[in-house]
Amino acid sequence: ARPIGDSELDERARALFESMAYREVSEAEVRDIRLLKARMENERLP
């Protein structure tokens, strides 16, 4: 995520998306990411 602009709203949006992306990651979430990548490899290749 990258805010387009330099207003107060943009800075608040930056903080929100950074808080989503960079809070502590649980092992369950790591498994979710790996499972989704495995699904992509099995299903998305034309």
All heavy atoms as atom14 arrays in JSON, in Angstrom:
{
  "sequence": "ARPIGDSELDERARALFESMAYREVSEAEVRDIRLLKARMENERLP",
  "atom14_mask": [
    [1, 1, 1, 1, 1, 0, 0, 0, 0, 0, 0, 0, 0, 0],
    [1, 1, 1, 1, 1, 1, 1, 1, 1, 1, 1, 0, 0, 0],
    [1, 1, 1, 1, 1, 1, 1, 0, 0, 0, 0, 0, 0, 0],
    [1, 1, 1, 1, 1, 1, 1, 1, 0, 0, 0, 0, 0, 0],
    [1, 1, 1, 1, 0, 0, 0, 0, 0, 0, 0, 0, 0, 0],
    [1, 1, 1, 1, 1, 1, 1, 1, 0, 0, 0, 0, 0, 0],
    [1, 1, 1, 1, 1, 1, 0, 0, 0, 0, 0, 0, 0, 0],
    [1, 1, 1, 1, 1, 1, 1, 1, 1, 0, 0, 0, 0, 0],
    [1, 1, 1, 1, 1, 1, 1, 1, 0, 0, 0, 0, 0, 0],
    [1, 1, 1, 1, 1, 1, 1, 1, 0, 0, 0, 0, 0, 0],
    [1, 1, 1, 1, 1, 1, 1, 1, 1, 0, 0, 0, 0, 0],
    [1, 1, 1, 1, 1, 1, 1, 1, 1, 1, 1, 0, 0, 0],
    [1, 1, 1, 1, 1, 0, 0, 0, 0, 0, 0, 0, 0, 0],
    [1, 1, 1, 1, 1, 1, 1, 1, 1, 1, 1, 0, 0, 0],
    [1, 1, 1, 1, 1, 0, 0, 0, 0, 0, 0, 0, 0, 0],
    [1, 1, 1, 1, 1, 1, 1, 1, 0, 0, 0, 0, 0, 0],
    [1, 1, 1, 1, 1, 1, 1, 1, 1, 1, 1, 0, 0, 0],
    [1, 1, 1, 1, 1, 1, 1, 1, 1, 0, 0, 0, 0, 0],
    [1, 1, 1, 1, 1, 1, 0, 0, 0, 0, 0, 0, 0, 0],
    [1, 1, 1, 1, 1, 1, 1, 1, 0, 0, 0, 0, 0, 0],
    [1, 1, 1, 1, 1, 0, 0, 0, 0, 0, 0, 0, 0, 0],
    [1, 1, 1, 1, 1, 1, 1, 1, 1, 1, 1, 1, 0, 0],
    [1, 1, 1, 1, 1, 1, 1, 1, 1, 1, 1, 0, 0, 0],
    [1, 1, 1, 1, 1, 1, 1, 1, 1, 0, 0, 0, 0, 0],
    [1, 1, 1, 1, 1, 1, 1, 0, 0, 0, 0, 0, 0, 0],
    [1, 1, 1, 1, 1, 1, 0, 0, 0, 0, 0, 0, 0, 0],
    [1, 1, 1, 1, 1, 1, 1, 1, 1, 0, 0, 0, 0, 0],
    [1, 1, 1, 1, 1, 0, 0, 0, 0, 0, 0, 0, 0, 0],
    [1, 1, 1, 1, 1, 1, 1, 1, 1, 0, 0, 0, 0, 0],
    [1, 1, 1, 1, 1, 1, 1, 0, 0, 0, 0, 0, 0, 0],
    [1, 1, 1, 1, 1, 1, 1, 1, 1, 1, 1, 0, 0, 0],
    [1, 1, 1, 1, 1, 1, 1, 1, 0, 0, 0, 0, 0, 0],
    [1, 1, 1, 1, 1, 1, 1, 1, 0, 0, 0, 0, 0, 0],
    [1, 1, 1, 1, 1, 1, 1, 1, 1, 1, 1, 0, 0, 0],
    [1, 1, 1, 1, 1, 1, 1, 1, 0, 0, 0, 0, 0, 0],
    [1, 1, 1, 1, 1, 1, 1, 1, 0, 0, 0, 0, 0, 0],
    [1, 1, 1, 1, 1, 1, 1, 1, 1, 0, 0, 0, 0, 0],
    [1, 1, 1, 1, 1, 0, 0, 0, 0, 0, 0, 0, 0, 0],
    [1, 1, 1, 1, 1, 1, 1, 1, 1, 1, 1, 0, 0, 0],
    [1, 1, 1, 1, 1, 1, 1, 1, 0, 0, 0, 0, 0, 0],
    [1, 1, 1, 1, 1, 1, 1, 1, 1, 0, 0, 0, 0, 0],
    [1, 1, 1, 1, 1, 1, 1, 1, 0, 0, 0, 0, 0, 0],
    [1, 1, 1, 1, 1, 1, 1, 1, 1, 0, 0, 0, 0, 0],
    [1, 1, 1, 1, 1, 1, 1, 1, 1, 1, 1, 0, 0, 0],
    [1, 1, 1, 1, 1, 1, 1, 1, 0, 0, 0, 0, 0, 0],
    [1, 1, 1, 1, 1, 1, 1, 0, 0, 0, 0, 0, 0, 0]
  ],
  "atom14_positions": [
    [[0.83, -1.21, 0.0], [0.0, 0.0, 0.0], [0.87, 1.26, 0.0], [1.86, 1.34, 0.72], [-0.92, 0.0, 1.22], [0.0, 0.0, 0.0], [0.0, 0.0, 0.0], [0.0, 0.0, 0.0], [0.0, 0.0, 0.0], [0.0, 0.0, 0.0], [0.0, 0.0, 0.0], [0.0, 0.0, 0.0], [0.0, 0.0, 0.0], [0.0, 0.0, 0.0]],
    [[0.47, 2.23, -0.81], [1.16, 3.53, -0.87], [0.12, 4.63, -1.04], [-0.62, 4.63, -2.02], [2.14, 3.56, -2.05], [2.76, 4.93, -2.32], [3.8, 4.84, -3.42], [3.26, 4.37, -4.67], [2.72, 5.15, -5.63], [2.62, 6.46, -5.43], [2.28, 4.63, -6.75], [0.0, 0.0, 0.0], [0.0, 0.0, 0.0], [0.0, 0.0, 0.0]],
    [[0.03, 5.57, -0.1], [-0.95, 6.65, -0.26], [-0.55, 7.57, -1.4], [0.64, 7.88, -1.59], [-0.91, 7.38, 1.08], [0.42, 7.06, 1.65], [0.78, 5.69, 1.16], [0.0, 0.0, 0.0], [0.0, 0.0, 0.0], [0.0, 0.0, 0.0], [0.0, 0.0, 0.0], [0.0, 0.0, 0.0], [0.0, 0.0, 0.0], [0.0, 0.0, 0.0]],
    [[-1.53, 8.03, -2.17], [-1.29, 8.95, -3.28], [-1.67, 10.34, -2.8], [-2.86, 10.67, -2.69], [-2.12, 8.56, -4.52], [-1.8, 7.13, -4.93], [-1.84, 9.51, -5.68], [-2.72, 6.59, -6.01], [0.0, 0.0, 0.0], [0.0, 0.0, 0.0], [0.0, 0.0, 0.0], [0.0, 0.0, 0.0], [0.0, 0.0, 0.0], [0.0, 0.0, 0.0]],
    [[-0.69, 11.16, -2.51], [-0.96, 12.49, -2.01], [-0.14, 12.79, -0.77], [0.67, 11.97, -0.32], [0.0, 0.0, 0.0], [0.0, 0.0, 0.0], [0.0, 0.0, 0.0], [0.0, 0.0, 0.0], [0.0, 0.0, 0.0], [0.0, 0.0, 0.0], [0.0, 0.0, 0.0], [0.0, 0.0, 0.0], [0.0, 0.0, 0.0], [0.0, 0.0, 0.0]],
    [[-0.34, 13.98, -0.2], [0.43, 14.37, 0.98], [-0.43, 15.1, 2.0], [0.04, 15.97, 2.73], [1.63, 15.23, 0.58], [1.21, 16.48, -0.2], [0.0, 16.69, -0.38], [2.11, 17.23, -0.62], [0.0, 0.0, 0.0], [0.0, 0.0, 0.0], [0.0, 0.0, 0.0], [0.0, 0.0, 0.0], [0.0, 0.0, 0.0], [0.0, 0.0, 0.0]],
    [[-1.7, 14.75, 2.05], [-2.6, 15.4, 3.0], [-2.61, 14.64, 4.33], [-2.02, 13.56, 4.46], [-4.02, 15.43, 2.44], [-4.57, 14.12, 2.4], [0.0, 0.0, 0.0], [0.0, 0.0, 0.0], [0.0, 0.0, 0.0], [0.0, 0.0, 0.0], [0.0, 0.0, 0.0], [0.0, 0.0, 0.0], [0.0, 0.0, 0.0], [0.0, 0.0, 0.0]],
    [[-3.3, 15.19, 5.29], [-3.45, 14.5, 6.57], [-4.16, 13.16, 6.38], [-3.83, 12.17, 7.04], [-4.24, 15.37, 7.55], [-4.45, 14.72, 8.91], [-5.36, 15.53, 9.82], [-5.68, 16.69, 9.46], [-5.75, 15.0, 10.87], [0.0, 0.0, 0.0], [0.0, 0.0, 0.0], [0.0, 0.0, 0.0], [0.0, 0.0, 0.0], [0.0, 0.0, 0.0]],
    [[-5.14, 13.11, 5.48], [-5.86, 11.86, 5.21], [-4.9, 10.8, 4.68], [-4.99, 9.63, 5.06], [-6.99, 12.1, 4.22], [-7.86, 10.89, 3.86], [-8.58, 10.35, 5.09], [-8.87, 11.27, 2.77], [0.0, 0.0, 0.0], [0.0, 0.0, 0.0], [0.0, 0.0, 0.0], [0.0, 0.0, 0.0], [0.0, 0.0, 0.0], [0.0, 0.0, 0.0]],
    [[-3.98, 11.2, 3.8], [-3.0, 10.25, 3.26], [-2.11, 9.68, 4.36], [-1.83, 8.48, 4.38], [-2.14, 10.93, 2.2], [-2.94, 11.41, 1.0], [-3.63, 10.59, 0.41], [-2.88, 12.61, 0.69], [0.0, 0.0, 0.0], [0.0, 0.0, 0.0], [0.0, 0.0, 0.0], [0.0, 0.0, 0.0], [0.0, 0.0, 0.0], [0.0, 0.0, 0.0]],
    [[-1.68, 10.54, 5.27], [-0.81, 10.07, 6.35], [-1.56, 9.14, 7.29], [-1.0, 8.15, 7.78], [-0.24, 11.26, 7.12], [0.81, 12.04, 6.34], [1.92, 11.13, 5.83], [2.46, 10.35, 6.65], [2.23, 11.17, 4.63], [0.0, 0.0, 0.0], [0.0, 0.0, 0.0], [0.0, 0.0, 0.0], [0.0, 0.0, 0.0], [0.0, 0.0, 0.0]],
    [[-2.82, 9.43, 7.54], [-3.62, 8.52, 8.37], [-3.82, 7.18, 7.67], [-3.79, 6.11, 8.31], [-4.96, 9.17, 8.7], [-4.85, 10.33, 9.7], [-6.12, 11.18, 9.71], [-7.32, 10.36, 9.93], [-8.54, 10.7, 9.5], [-8.71, 11.84, 8.84], [-9.56, 9.91, 9.76], [0.0, 0.0, 0.0], [0.0, 0.0, 0.0], [0.0, 0.0, 0.0]],
    [[-4.0, 7.22, 6.35], [-4.14, 5.97, 5.6], [-2.85, 5.17, 5.63], [-2.87, 3.94, 5.79], [-4.54, 6.28, 4.14], [0.0, 0.0, 0.0], [0.0, 0.0, 0.0], [0.0, 0.0, 0.0], [0.0, 0.0, 0.0], [0.0, 0.0, 0.0], [0.0, 0.0, 0.0], [0.0, 0.0, 0.0], [0.0, 0.0, 0.0], [0.0, 0.0, 0.0]],
    [[-1.71, 5.87, 5.51], [-0.43, 5.18, 5.58], [-0.29, 4.45, 6.92], [0.11, 3.28, 6.99], [0.71, 6.18, 5.42], [2.11, 5.53, 5.39], [3.21, 6.58, 5.6], [3.1, 7.67, 4.67], [3.59, 7.65, 3.43], [4.22, 6.57, 3.0], [3.46, 8.71, 2.65], [0.0, 0.0, 0.0], [0.0, 0.0, 0.0], [0.0, 0.0, 0.0]],
    [[-0.63, 5.14, 8.0], [-0.51, 4.54, 9.33], [-1.43, 3.33, 9.47], [-1.05, 2.31, 10.07], [-0.84, 5.58, 10.4], [0.0, 0.0, 0.0], [0.0, 0.0, 0.0], [0.0, 0.0, 0.0], [0.0, 0.0, 0.0], [0.0, 0.0, 0.0], [0.0, 0.0, 0.0], [0.0, 0.0, 0.0], [0.0, 0.0, 0.0], [0.0, 0.0, 0.0]],
    [[-2.65, 3.42, 8.92], [-3.58, 2.3, 9.01], [-3.05, 1.07, 8.29], [-3.03, -0.03, 8.86], [-4.94, 2.71, 8.41], [-5.93, 1.57, 8.19], [-6.3, 0.91, 9.52], [-7.18, 2.06, 7.47], [0.0, 0.0, 0.0], [0.0, 0.0, 0.0], [0.0, 0.0, 0.0], [0.0, 0.0, 0.0], [0.0, 0.0, 0.0], [0.0, 0.0, 0.0]],
    [[-2.6, 1.24, 7.06], [-2.16, 0.07, 6.3], [-0.84, -0.48, 6.84], [-0.61, -1.69, 6.79], [-2.07, 0.42, 4.81], [-3.41, 0.45, 4.14], [-4.1, 1.64, 3.99], [-4.01, -0.72, 3.7], [-5.36, 1.67, 3.4], [-5.26, -0.7, 3.1], [-5.94, 0.49, 2.94], [0.0, 0.0, 0.0], [0.0, 0.0, 0.0], [0.0, 0.0, 0.0]],
    [[0.01, 0.39, 7.38], [1.22, -0.13, 8.01], [0.88, -0.93, 9.26], [1.52, -1.95, 9.54], [2.17, 1.02, 8.36], [2.92, 1.57, 7.16], [4.1, 2.44, 7.57], [4.28, 2.66, 8.78], [4.83, 2.88, 6.67], [0.0, 0.0, 0.0], [0.0, 0.0, 0.0], [0.0, 0.0, 0.0], [0.0, 0.0, 0.0], [0.0, 0.0, 0.0]],
    [[-0.13, -0.5, 10.0], [-0.53, -1.26, 11.2], [-1.09, -2.62, 10.82], [-0.92, -3.6, 11.56], [-1.55, -0.46, 12.02], [-2.81, -0.4, 11.36], [0.0, 0.0, 0.0], [0.0, 0.0, 0.0], [0.0, 0.0, 0.0], [0.0, 0.0, 0.0], [0.0, 0.0, 0.0], [0.0, 0.0, 0.0], [0.0, 0.0, 0.0], [0.0, 0.0, 0.0]],
    [[-1.77, -2.7, 9.67], [-2.27, -3.98, 9.19], [-1.11, -4.9, 8.79], [-1.08, -6.08, 9.15], [-3.19, -3.79, 7.98], [-4.55, -3.22, 8.29], [-5.53, -3.0, 6.78], [-5.66, -4.71, 6.17], [0.0, 0.0, 0.0], [0.0, 0.0, 0.0], [0.0, 0.0, 0.0], [0.0, 0.0, 0.0], [0.0, 0.0, 0.0], [0.0, 0.0, 0.0]],
    [[-0.16, -4.35, 8.05], [0.9, -5.17, 7.47], [1.94, -5.6, 8.49], [2.48, -6.71, 8.41], [1.57, -4.41, 6.33], [0.0, 0.0, 0.0], [0.0, 0.0, 0.0], [0.0, 0.0, 0.0], [0.0, 0.0, 0.0], [0.0, 0.0, 0.0], [0.0, 0.0, 0.0], [0.0, 0.0, 0.0], [0.0, 0.0, 0.0], [0.0, 0.0, 0.0]],
    [[2.22, -4.73, 9.48], [3.42, -4.93, 10.28], [3.18, -5.17, 11.76], [4.08, -5.0, 12.56], [4.35, -3.73, 10.08], [4.75, -3.55, 8.63], [4.4, -2.4, 7.93], [5.44, -4.55, 7.96], [4.74, -2.24, 6.6], [5.78, -4.41, 6.63], [5.43, -3.25, 5.96], [5.76, -3.12, 4.63], [0.0, 0.0, 0.0], [0.0, 0.0, 0.0]],
    [[2.0, -5.58, 12.12], [1.83, -6.04, 13.5], [2.4, -7.46, 13.6], [2.82, -8.04, 12.61], [0.36, -5.99, 13.92], [-0.56, -6.9, 13.13], [-1.94, -6.92, 13.75], [-2.92, -7.62, 12.95], [-3.03, -8.94, 12.86], [-2.19, -9.72, 13.52], [-3.97, -9.48, 12.12], [0.0, 0.0, 0.0], [0.0, 0.0, 0.0], [0.0, 0.0, 0.0]],
    [[2.41, -7.99, 14.81], [2.99, -9.33, 15.01], [2.28, -10.37, 14.15], [1.06, -10.38, 14.05], [2.91, -9.73, 16.48], [3.59, -11.04, 16.8], [3.58, -11.35, 18.28], [3.08, -10.52, 19.06], [4.09, -12.42, 18.66], [0.0, 0.0, 0.0], [0.0, 0.0, 0.0], [0.0, 0.0, 0.0], [0.0, 0.0, 0.0], [0.0, 0.0, 0.0]],
    [[3.05, -11.24, 13.53], [2.52, -12.3, 12.66], [2.55, -13.61, 13.43], [3.6, -14.05, 13.91], [3.34, -12.43, 11.37], [2.74, -13.49, 10.46], [3.4, -11.09, 10.64], [0.0, 0.0, 0.0], [0.0, 0.0, 0.0], [0.0, 0.0, 0.0], [0.0, 0.0, 0.0], [0.0, 0.0, 0.0], [0.0, 0.0, 0.0], [0.0, 0.0, 0.0]],
    [[1.4, -14.25, 13.55], [1.33, -15.52, 14.26], [1.77, -16.66, 13.35], [1.79, -16.53, 12.12], [-0.11, -15.78, 14.73], [-0.96, -16.03, 13.62], [0.0, 0.0, 0.0], [0.0, 0.0, 0.0], [0.0, 0.0, 0.0], [0.0, 0.0, 0.0], [0.0, 0.0, 0.0], [0.0, 0.0, 0.0], [0.0, 0.0, 0.0], [0.0, 0.0, 0.0]],
    [[2.09, -17.77, 13.96], [2.47, -18.95, 13.16], [1.3, -19.42, 12.32], [1.48, -19.94, 11.21], [2.98, -20.06, 14.07], [4.36, -19.79, 14.64], [5.38, -19.48, 13.55], [5.51, -20.27, 12.6], [6.06, -18.44, 13.66], [0.0, 0.0, 0.0], [0.0, 0.0, 0.0], [0.0, 0.0, 0.0], [0.0, 0.0, 0.0], [0.0, 0.0, 0.0]],
    [[0.07, -19.24, 12.84], [-1.11, -19.61, 12.04], [-1.2, -18.76, 10.78], [-1.57, -19.26, 9.71], [-2.38, -19.45, 12.88], [0.0, 0.0, 0.0], [0.0, 0.0, 0.0], [0.0, 0.0, 0.0], [0.0, 0.0, 0.0], [0.0, 0.0, 0.0], [0.0, 0.0, 0.0], [0.0, 0.0, 0.0], [0.0, 0.0, 0.0], [0.0, 0.0, 0.0]],
    [[-0.85, -17.48, 10.89], [-0.88, -16.62, 9.71], [0.22, -16.98, 8.73], [0.04, -16.92, 7.51], [-0.78, -15.16, 10.14], [-2.04, -14.64, 10.8], [-1.87, -13.25, 11.38], [-0.84, -12.97, 12.01], [-2.8, -12.43, 11.21], [0.0, 0.0, 0.0], [0.0, 0.0, 0.0], [0.0, 0.0, 0.0], [0.0, 0.0, 0.0], [0.0, 0.0, 0.0]],
    [[1.39, -17.37, 9.24], [2.45, -17.85, 8.35], [1.99, -19.07, 7.59], [2.21, -19.2, 6.38], [3.73, -18.16, 9.15], [4.78, -18.82, 8.26], [4.31, -16.88, 9.77], [0.0, 0.0, 0.0], [0.0, 0.0, 0.0], [0.0, 0.0, 0.0], [0.0, 0.0, 0.0], [0.0, 0.0, 0.0], [0.0, 0.0, 0.0], [0.0, 0.0, 0.0]],
    [[1.3, -19.98, 8.27], [0.76, -21.17, 7.59], [-0.26, -20.77, 6.54], [-0.3, -21.34, 5.45], [0.14, -22.14, 8.62], [1.16, -22.87, 9.47], [0.52, -24.05, 10.19], [-0.53, -23.61, 11.11], [-0.31, -23.29, 12.38], [0.92, -23.34, 12.88], [-1.31, -22.91, 13.16], [0.0, 0.0, 0.0], [0.0, 0.0, 0.0], [0.0, 0.0, 0.0]],
    [[-1.11, -19.79, 6.87], [-2.1, -19.32, 5.9], [-1.43, -18.81, 4.63], [-1.88, -19.1, 3.51], [-2.95, -18.2, 6.51], [-3.97, -18.69, 7.52], [-4.22, -19.91, 7.55], [-4.5, -17.86, 8.28], [0.0, 0.0, 0.0], [0.0, 0.0, 0.0], [0.0, 0.0, 0.0], [0.0, 0.0, 0.0], [0.0, 0.0, 0.0], [0.0, 0.0, 0.0]],
    [[-0.38, -18.02, 4.79], [0.33, -17.46, 3.64], [0.94, -18.58, 2.8], [0.85, -18.59, 1.57], [1.4, -16.47, 4.11], [0.74, -15.23, 4.72], [2.32, -16.07, 2.96], [1.7, -14.3, 5.42], [0.0, 0.0, 0.0], [0.0, 0.0, 0.0], [0.0, 0.0, 0.0], [0.0, 0.0, 0.0], [0.0, 0.0, 0.0], [0.0, 0.0, 0.0]],
    [[1.55, -19.54, 3.46], [2.17, -20.65, 2.73], [1.13, -21.51, 2.02], [1.33, -21.94, 0.88], [3.0, -21.5, 3.69], [4.28, -20.79, 4.15], [4.97, -21.53, 5.28], [6.27, -20.95, 5.57], [6.96, -21.19, 6.67], [6.46, -22.0, 7.62], [8.15, -20.64, 6.87], [0.0, 0.0, 0.0], [0.0, 0.0, 0.0], [0.0, 0.0, 0.0]],
    [[0.0, -21.74, 2.67], [-1.07, -22.52, 2.04], [-1.64, -21.8, 0.82], [-1.93, -22.42, -0.21], [-2.18, -22.82, 3.05], [-1.87, -23.88, 4.1], [-2.98, -23.92, 5.16], [-1.73, -25.26, 3.45], [0.0, 0.0, 0.0], [0.0, 0.0, 0.0], [0.0, 0.0, 0.0], [0.0, 0.0, 0.0], [0.0, 0.0, 0.0], [0.0, 0.0, 0.0]],
    [[-1.8, -20.48, 0.93], [-2.32, -19.72, -0.2], [-1.34, -19.74, -1.36], [-1.75, -19.86, -2.52], [-2.6, -18.28, 0.24], [-3.25, -17.37, -0.81], [-4.54, -17.98, -1.34], [-3.52, -15.98, -0.22], [0.0, 0.0, 0.0], [0.0, 0.0, 0.0], [0.0, 0.0, 0.0], [0.0, 0.0, 0.0], [0.0, 0.0, 0.0], [0.0, 0.0, 0.0]],
    [[-0.05, -19.65, -1.07], [0.95, -19.73, -2.14], [0.91, -21.09, -2.8], [1.0, -21.21, -4.04], [2.34, -19.47, -1.56], [3.47, -19.5, -2.61], [3.32, -18.39, -3.62], [4.54, -18.25, -4.52], [4.73, -19.34, -5.47], [0.0, 0.0, 0.0], [0.0, 0.0, 0.0], [0.0, 0.0, 0.0], [0.0, 0.0, 0.0], [0.0, 0.0, 0.0]],
    [[0.76, -22.15, -2.02], [0.68, -23.5, -2.59], [-0.55, -23.63, -3.49], [-0.5, -24.23, -4.56], [0.64, -24.53, -1.48], [0.0, 0.0, 0.0], [0.0, 0.0, 0.0], [0.0, 0.0, 0.0], [0.0, 0.0, 0.0], [0.0, 0.0, 0.0], [0.0, 0.0, 0.0], [0.0, 0.0, 0.0], [0.0, 0.0, 0.0], [0.0, 0.0, 0.0]],
    [[-1.68, -23.06, -3.05], [-2.89, -23.08, -3.88], [-2.67, -22.34, -5.19], [-3.11, -22.79, -6.25], [-4.06, -22.47, -3.13], [-4.72, -23.37, -2.12], [-5.96, -22.69, -1.55], [-6.9, -22.29, -2.59], [-7.92, -21.46, -2.41], [-8.13, -20.94, -1.22], [-8.72, -21.17, -3.4], [0.0, 0.0, 0.0], [0.0, 0.0, 0.0], [0.0, 0.0, 0.0]],
    [[-2.01, -21.19, -5.12], [-1.74, -20.43, -6.34], [-0.92, -21.26, -7.32], [-1.19, -21.27, -8.53], [-0.99, -19.14, -6.0], [-1.84, -18.07, -5.37], [-0.84, -16.6, -4.98], [-0.19, -16.18, -6.6], [0.0, 0.0, 0.0], [0.0, 0.0, 0.0], [0.0, 0.0, 0.0], [0.0, 0.0, 0.0], [0.0, 0.0, 0.0], [0.0, 0.0, 0.0]],
    [[0.08, -21.95, -6.8], [0.94, -22.74, -7.69], [0.17, -23.88, -8.34], [0.45, -24.25, -9.48], [2.13, -23.29, -6.9], [3.09, -22.19, -6.44], [4.34, -22.74, -5.78], [4.48, -23.98, -5.73], [5.17, -21.95, -5.32], [0.0, 0.0, 0.0], [0.0, 0.0, 0.0], [0.0, 0.0, 0.0], [0.0, 0.0, 0.0], [0.0, 0.0, 0.0]],
    [[-0.81, -24.41, -7.62], [-1.59, -25.54, -8.16], [-2.73, -25.11, -9.07], [-3.13, -25.85, -9.97], [-2.17, -26.37, -7.0], [-1.11, -27.14, -6.25], [-0.1, -27.53, -6.82], [-1.33, -27.33, -4.96], [0.0, 0.0, 0.0], [0.0, 0.0, 0.0], [0.0, 0.0, 0.0], [0.0, 0.0, 0.0], [0.0, 0.0, 0.0], [0.0, 0.0, 0.0]],
    [[-3.27, -23.89, -8.85], [-4.51, -23.51, -9.52], [-4.4, -22.38, -10.52], [-5.21, -22.3, -11.45], [-5.56, -23.13, -8.45], [-5.9, -24.25, -7.49], [-6.8, -23.8, -6.36], [-7.29, -22.64, -6.41], [-7.03, -24.6, -5.42], [0.0, 0.0, 0.0], [0.0, 0.0, 0.0], [0.0, 0.0, 0.0], [0.0, 0.0, 0.0], [0.0, 0.0, 0.0]],
    [[-3.43, -21.48, -10.37], [-3.44, -20.27, -11.18], [-2.6, -20.35, -12.45], [-2.77, -19.55, -13.36], [-2.98, -19.07, -10.34], [-4.01, -18.62, -9.32], [-3.64, -17.29, -8.72], [-3.49, -16.24, -9.72], [-3.01, -15.03, -9.46], [-2.58, -14.74, -8.24], [-2.91, -14.12, -10.42], [0.0, 0.0, 0.0], [0.0, 0.0, 0.0], [0.0, 0.0, 0.0]],
    [[-1.68, -21.28, -12.51], [-0.88, -21.4, -13.71], [-1.78, -21.8, -14.88], [-2.51, -22.78, -14.8], [0.22, -22.45, -13.52], [1.38, -22.42, -14.51], [2.23, -21.17, -14.26], [2.23, -23.67, -14.37], [0.0, 0.0, 0.0], [0.0, 0.0, 0.0], [0.0, 0.0, 0.0], [0.0, 0.0, 0.0], [0.0, 0.0, 0.0], [0.0, 0.0, 0.0]],
    [[-1.77, -21.03, -15.98], [-2.67, -21.34, -17.1], [-2.46, -22.76, -17.63], [-1.32, -23.24, -17.71], [-2.28, -20.29, -18.15], [-1.7, -19.16, -17.37], [-0.99, -19.81, -16.21], [0.0, 0.0, 0.0], [0.0, 0.0, 0.0], [0.0, 0.0, 0.0], [0.0, 0.0, 0.0], [0.0, 0.0, 0.0], [0.0, 0.0, 0.0], [0.0, 0.0, 0.0]]
  ]
}
